[in-house]
N, C-alpha and C. Protein backbone atom coordinates (compact mmCIF):
# COMPACT_ATOMS: atom_id res chain seq x y z
N MET A 1 124.81 113.70 97.00
CA MET A 1 124.39 112.40 96.54
C MET A 1 124.95 112.20 95.14
N ARG A 2 125.90 111.31 95.04
CA ARG A 2 126.56 111.04 93.77
C ARG A 2 125.88 109.86 93.08
N MET A 3 125.53 110.05 91.82
CA MET A 3 124.83 108.99 91.09
C MET A 3 125.83 108.11 90.36
N THR A 4 125.61 106.80 90.43
CA THR A 4 126.45 105.84 89.74
C THR A 4 125.89 105.61 88.34
N ARG A 5 126.59 104.79 87.58
CA ARG A 5 126.17 104.50 86.20
C ARG A 5 124.82 103.82 86.17
N ILE A 6 124.61 102.86 87.07
CA ILE A 6 123.32 102.16 87.09
C ILE A 6 122.18 103.10 87.49
N ASP A 7 122.48 104.08 88.34
CA ASP A 7 121.46 105.07 88.70
C ASP A 7 121.03 105.86 87.47
N TRP A 8 121.98 106.26 86.65
CA TRP A 8 121.65 107.01 85.43
C TRP A 8 120.89 106.15 84.44
N ILE A 9 121.18 104.85 84.42
CA ILE A 9 120.46 103.95 83.50
C ILE A 9 119.03 103.75 83.97
N LEU A 10 118.84 103.62 85.28
CA LEU A 10 117.50 103.35 85.82
C LEU A 10 116.65 104.61 85.99
N LEU A 11 117.26 105.79 85.93
CA LEU A 11 116.53 107.03 86.15
C LEU A 11 115.39 107.24 85.14
N PRO A 12 115.59 107.04 83.83
CA PRO A 12 114.46 107.21 82.90
C PRO A 12 113.31 106.24 83.17
N ILE A 13 113.64 105.02 83.60
CA ILE A 13 112.59 104.05 83.92
C ILE A 13 111.80 104.53 85.13
N LEU A 14 112.49 105.00 86.15
CA LEU A 14 111.83 105.51 87.34
C LEU A 14 110.95 106.71 87.03
N VAL A 15 111.46 107.63 86.23
CA VAL A 15 110.68 108.81 85.86
C VAL A 15 109.45 108.40 85.04
N GLY A 16 109.61 107.44 84.15
CA GLY A 16 108.47 106.96 83.36
C GLY A 16 107.40 106.30 84.20
N VAL A 17 107.82 105.47 85.15
CA VAL A 17 106.85 104.82 86.03
C VAL A 17 106.15 105.85 86.91
N LEU A 18 106.92 106.80 87.45
CA LEU A 18 106.31 107.84 88.27
C LEU A 18 105.33 108.69 87.46
N ALA A 19 105.69 109.01 86.22
CA ALA A 19 104.78 109.78 85.36
C ALA A 19 103.50 108.98 85.10
N GLY A 20 103.62 107.68 84.88
CA GLY A 20 102.44 106.84 84.66
C GLY A 20 101.54 106.79 85.88
N VAL A 21 102.13 106.67 87.05
CA VAL A 21 101.35 106.64 88.29
C VAL A 21 100.66 107.98 88.52
N VAL A 22 101.38 109.07 88.27
CA VAL A 22 100.80 110.41 88.46
C VAL A 22 99.64 110.63 87.49
N ILE A 23 99.82 110.26 86.23
CA ILE A 23 98.75 110.42 85.24
C ILE A 23 97.56 109.53 85.61
N GLY A 24 97.84 108.31 86.06
CA GLY A 24 96.76 107.41 86.48
C GLY A 24 95.98 107.96 87.67
N ALA A 25 96.69 108.51 88.65
CA ALA A 25 96.01 109.10 89.81
C ALA A 25 95.19 110.31 89.40
N PHE A 26 95.72 111.12 88.47
CA PHE A 26 94.97 112.29 88.01
C PHE A 26 93.72 111.87 87.24
N LEU A 27 93.86 110.88 86.35
CA LEU A 27 92.70 110.43 85.59
C LEU A 27 91.66 109.75 86.47
N LEU A 28 92.12 109.08 87.52
CA LEU A 28 91.21 108.37 88.40
C LEU A 28 90.46 109.31 89.34
N ALA A 29 91.18 110.28 89.93
CA ALA A 29 90.55 111.10 90.96
C ALA A 29 90.80 112.59 90.80
N GLY A 30 91.39 113.02 89.72
CA GLY A 30 91.63 114.44 89.50
C GLY A 30 92.76 114.96 90.37
N PHE A 31 92.71 116.25 90.67
CA PHE A 31 93.78 116.88 91.45
C PHE A 31 93.86 116.33 92.87
N ILE A 32 92.72 115.95 93.42
CA ILE A 32 92.73 115.38 94.77
C ILE A 32 93.50 114.06 94.78
N GLY A 33 93.48 113.33 93.68
CA GLY A 33 94.25 112.09 93.56
C GLY A 33 95.74 112.35 93.61
N LEU A 34 96.19 113.45 93.00
CA LEU A 34 97.61 113.81 93.07
C LEU A 34 98.02 114.13 94.51
N GLY A 35 97.16 114.86 95.21
CA GLY A 35 97.45 115.19 96.60
C GLY A 35 97.51 113.96 97.48
N VAL A 36 96.58 113.04 97.29
CA VAL A 36 96.55 111.80 98.08
C VAL A 36 97.77 110.94 97.75
N LEU A 37 98.15 110.87 96.49
CA LEU A 37 99.35 110.14 96.09
C LEU A 37 100.59 110.73 96.76
N GLY A 38 100.67 112.05 96.82
CA GLY A 38 101.77 112.71 97.51
C GLY A 38 101.78 112.39 98.99
N LEU A 39 100.61 112.36 99.62
CA LEU A 39 100.52 111.99 101.03
C LEU A 39 100.98 110.56 101.27
N ILE A 40 100.60 109.65 100.39
CA ILE A 40 101.01 108.25 100.54
C ILE A 40 102.52 108.11 100.42
N ILE A 41 103.12 108.75 99.41
CA ILE A 41 104.57 108.70 99.24
C ILE A 41 105.28 109.32 100.44
N GLY A 42 104.78 110.44 100.92
CA GLY A 42 105.38 111.10 102.07
C GLY A 42 105.29 110.27 103.34
N LEU A 43 104.15 109.62 103.57
CA LEU A 43 103.99 108.78 104.75
C LEU A 43 104.91 107.56 104.69
N MET A 44 105.06 106.98 103.50
CA MET A 44 105.98 105.84 103.37
C MET A 44 107.41 106.27 103.63
N ALA A 45 107.83 107.41 103.09
CA ALA A 45 109.20 107.89 103.31
C ALA A 45 109.43 108.20 104.78
N GLN A 46 108.44 108.80 105.43
CA GLN A 46 108.59 109.12 106.85
C GLN A 46 108.67 107.85 107.69
N ARG A 47 107.88 106.85 107.36
CA ARG A 47 107.89 105.58 108.12
C ARG A 47 109.24 104.88 107.96
N ILE A 48 109.80 104.90 106.75
CA ILE A 48 111.12 104.30 106.51
C ILE A 48 112.18 105.02 107.34
N GLU A 49 112.09 106.34 107.39
CA GLU A 49 113.06 107.11 108.17
C GLU A 49 112.92 106.83 109.66
N LEU A 50 111.71 106.68 110.15
CA LEU A 50 111.49 106.38 111.56
C LEU A 50 112.02 105.00 111.95
N GLU A 51 111.90 104.04 111.04
CA GLU A 51 112.30 102.68 111.34
C GLU A 51 113.72 102.35 110.90
N LYS A 52 114.56 103.33 110.68
CA LYS A 52 115.91 103.07 110.20
C LYS A 52 116.74 102.28 111.21
N ASP A 53 116.45 102.42 112.49
CA ASP A 53 117.21 101.71 113.52
C ASP A 53 116.49 100.48 114.05
N GLY A 54 115.35 100.17 113.53
CA GLY A 54 114.63 98.99 113.96
C GLY A 54 113.15 99.27 114.16
N ALA A 55 112.46 98.29 114.69
CA ALA A 55 111.02 98.39 114.88
C ALA A 55 110.68 99.47 115.89
N VAL A 56 109.56 100.14 115.68
CA VAL A 56 109.12 101.20 116.59
C VAL A 56 107.64 101.05 116.90
N SER A 57 107.26 101.43 118.09
CA SER A 57 105.90 101.68 118.56
C SER A 57 104.85 100.64 118.20
N HIS A 58 105.02 99.47 118.74
CA HIS A 58 103.97 98.47 118.65
C HIS A 58 104.08 97.57 119.87
N SER A 59 102.96 97.19 120.41
CA SER A 59 102.98 96.39 121.65
C SER A 59 103.63 95.03 121.44
N MET A 60 103.59 94.52 120.23
CA MET A 60 104.17 93.21 119.95
C MET A 60 105.68 93.28 119.77
N THR A 61 106.25 94.46 119.59
CA THR A 61 107.67 94.56 119.27
C THR A 61 108.52 95.12 120.39
N THR A 62 108.01 95.18 121.62
CA THR A 62 108.81 95.74 122.70
C THR A 62 110.04 94.88 122.97
N SER A 63 109.88 93.57 122.99
CA SER A 63 111.04 92.70 123.22
C SER A 63 111.95 92.71 121.99
N LEU A 64 111.38 92.84 120.80
CA LEU A 64 112.19 92.90 119.59
C LEU A 64 113.08 94.14 119.60
N TYR A 65 112.54 95.26 120.05
CA TYR A 65 113.31 96.49 120.12
C TYR A 65 114.46 96.34 121.11
N ALA A 66 114.20 95.71 122.26
CA ALA A 66 115.25 95.47 123.25
C ALA A 66 116.33 94.55 122.69
N GLU A 67 115.93 93.53 121.96
CA GLU A 67 116.89 92.60 121.35
C GLU A 67 117.77 93.33 120.33
N GLN A 68 117.16 94.18 119.52
CA GLN A 68 117.93 94.94 118.53
C GLN A 68 118.91 95.88 119.22
N PHE A 69 118.49 96.50 120.29
CA PHE A 69 119.37 97.41 121.04
C PHE A 69 120.56 96.64 121.62
N LYS A 70 120.30 95.46 122.19
CA LYS A 70 121.39 94.64 122.75
C LYS A 70 122.34 94.18 121.65
N ALA A 71 121.79 93.80 120.49
CA ALA A 71 122.64 93.36 119.38
C ALA A 71 123.52 94.51 118.89
N ARG A 72 122.98 95.73 118.85
CA ARG A 72 123.79 96.88 118.45
C ARG A 72 124.89 97.17 119.46
N GLU A 73 124.61 96.95 120.74
CA GLU A 73 125.62 97.15 121.78
C GLU A 73 126.77 96.16 121.64
N ARG A 74 126.50 94.94 121.18
CA ARG A 74 127.53 93.91 121.04
C ARG A 74 128.34 94.05 119.76
N MET A 75 127.95 94.92 118.85
CA MET A 75 128.66 95.07 117.58
C MET A 75 130.05 95.66 117.80
N SER A 76 130.98 95.23 116.96
CA SER A 76 132.31 95.83 116.99
C SER A 76 132.25 97.20 116.31
N ARG A 77 133.34 97.96 116.41
CA ARG A 77 133.37 99.29 115.79
C ARG A 77 133.22 99.19 114.27
N ALA A 78 133.82 98.16 113.67
CA ALA A 78 133.74 97.98 112.22
C ALA A 78 132.31 97.64 111.80
N GLU A 79 131.66 96.79 112.59
CA GLU A 79 130.27 96.44 112.28
C GLU A 79 129.35 97.65 112.44
N LYS A 80 129.60 98.45 113.47
CA LYS A 80 128.80 99.67 113.66
C LYS A 80 128.99 100.63 112.51
N ALA A 81 130.23 100.79 112.05
CA ALA A 81 130.52 101.67 110.92
C ALA A 81 129.86 101.14 109.65
N GLY A 82 129.90 99.83 109.46
CA GLY A 82 129.24 99.23 108.30
C GLY A 82 127.73 99.42 108.33
N HIS A 83 127.15 99.24 109.51
CA HIS A 83 125.71 99.44 109.67
C HIS A 83 125.33 100.90 109.42
N ARG A 84 126.14 101.81 109.95
CA ARG A 84 125.88 103.25 109.75
C ARG A 84 125.97 103.62 108.27
N ALA A 85 126.99 103.08 107.56
CA ALA A 85 127.14 103.37 106.14
C ALA A 85 125.98 102.79 105.33
N GLU A 86 125.55 101.60 105.69
CA GLU A 86 124.42 100.98 105.00
C GLU A 86 123.15 101.79 105.22
N THR A 87 122.94 102.26 106.44
CA THR A 87 121.76 103.07 106.76
C THR A 87 121.79 104.39 106.00
N GLN A 88 122.95 105.03 105.94
CA GLN A 88 123.05 106.29 105.21
C GLN A 88 122.79 106.10 103.72
N THR A 89 123.28 104.99 103.16
CA THR A 89 123.03 104.70 101.75
C THR A 89 121.54 104.50 101.49
N LEU A 90 120.89 103.79 102.41
CA LEU A 90 119.46 103.56 102.26
C LEU A 90 118.67 104.86 102.37
N LEU A 91 119.07 105.72 103.31
CA LEU A 91 118.31 106.94 103.58
C LEU A 91 118.57 108.05 102.57
N LYS A 92 119.63 107.93 101.75
CA LYS A 92 119.92 109.01 100.80
C LYS A 92 118.82 109.15 99.75
N TRP A 93 118.07 108.08 99.52
CA TRP A 93 117.00 108.14 98.52
C TRP A 93 115.70 108.69 99.09
N LEU A 94 115.65 108.92 100.39
CA LEU A 94 114.43 109.46 100.97
C LEU A 94 114.23 110.94 100.65
N PHE A 95 115.31 111.68 100.49
CA PHE A 95 115.17 113.10 100.19
C PHE A 95 114.43 113.33 98.86
N PRO A 96 114.83 112.67 97.74
CA PRO A 96 114.03 112.85 96.52
C PRO A 96 112.58 112.41 96.68
N ALA A 97 112.33 111.36 97.46
CA ALA A 97 110.95 110.92 97.67
C ALA A 97 110.16 111.97 98.41
N LYS A 98 110.79 112.62 99.40
CA LYS A 98 110.11 113.68 100.15
C LYS A 98 109.86 114.90 99.27
N VAL A 99 110.78 115.22 98.38
CA VAL A 99 110.59 116.36 97.47
C VAL A 99 109.44 116.07 96.50
N VAL A 100 109.42 114.87 95.93
CA VAL A 100 108.32 114.49 95.03
C VAL A 100 107.00 114.51 95.79
N SER A 101 107.00 114.00 97.01
CA SER A 101 105.80 114.00 97.83
C SER A 101 105.29 115.42 98.07
N ALA A 102 106.19 116.31 98.48
CA ALA A 102 105.79 117.70 98.73
C ALA A 102 105.26 118.36 97.46
N GLY A 103 105.91 118.10 96.34
CA GLY A 103 105.45 118.67 95.06
C GLY A 103 104.06 118.19 94.69
N LEU A 104 103.82 116.88 94.85
CA LEU A 104 102.50 116.34 94.52
C LEU A 104 101.42 116.87 95.46
N ILE A 105 101.76 117.01 96.74
CA ILE A 105 100.78 117.53 97.70
C ILE A 105 100.43 118.98 97.35
N ILE A 106 101.44 119.80 97.11
CA ILE A 106 101.20 121.21 96.79
C ILE A 106 100.45 121.33 95.47
N LEU A 107 100.89 120.60 94.46
CA LEU A 107 100.24 120.66 93.15
C LEU A 107 98.80 120.14 93.22
N GLY A 108 98.64 118.96 93.81
CA GLY A 108 97.32 118.34 93.84
C GLY A 108 96.31 119.12 94.65
N PHE A 109 96.60 119.36 95.93
CA PHE A 109 95.64 120.06 96.77
C PHE A 109 95.53 121.54 96.41
N GLY A 110 96.65 122.14 95.99
CA GLY A 110 96.61 123.55 95.60
C GLY A 110 95.72 123.78 94.40
N LEU A 111 95.90 122.97 93.35
CA LEU A 111 95.05 123.12 92.16
C LEU A 111 93.61 122.68 92.43
N PHE A 112 93.43 121.69 93.31
CA PHE A 112 92.08 121.29 93.67
C PHE A 112 91.33 122.45 94.29
N PHE A 113 91.93 123.11 95.29
CA PHE A 113 91.26 124.23 95.94
C PHE A 113 91.16 125.44 95.03
N LEU A 114 92.10 125.61 94.12
CA LEU A 114 92.06 126.72 93.19
C LEU A 114 90.88 126.59 92.23
N PHE A 115 90.67 125.39 91.72
CA PHE A 115 89.61 125.18 90.73
C PHE A 115 88.26 124.85 91.35
N GLN A 116 88.20 124.43 92.61
CA GLN A 116 86.93 124.07 93.22
C GLN A 116 86.21 125.27 93.83
N HIS A 117 86.98 126.27 94.27
CA HIS A 117 86.35 127.44 94.89
C HIS A 117 86.29 128.58 93.90
N PRO A 118 85.11 129.24 93.77
CA PRO A 118 84.98 130.34 92.81
C PRO A 118 85.66 131.61 93.27
């Protein structure tokens, strides 16, 4: 994953916002808040990864899923390559989100159980 200039410019802002959210969750609910925040981030990242090709698993979207599948079948090779490249670009940011999620879950629930049990 190669970072562009704008990524390097926005990285301190992202880290600052994440630090603020983590501190807020800790002050609001303690270590359990960090674990829950990690679970929320992880569930959002997993849902984004599941829906990368379109809508999934809902009774209202069965026809929508079929329509998306037919539209993908009608795409030219160039359009398919463009869609694949766009999807890969979108999904490249999920790995850091999953790492942050795992870290918050381990830190939050681990320290919660460490300090709650004698």
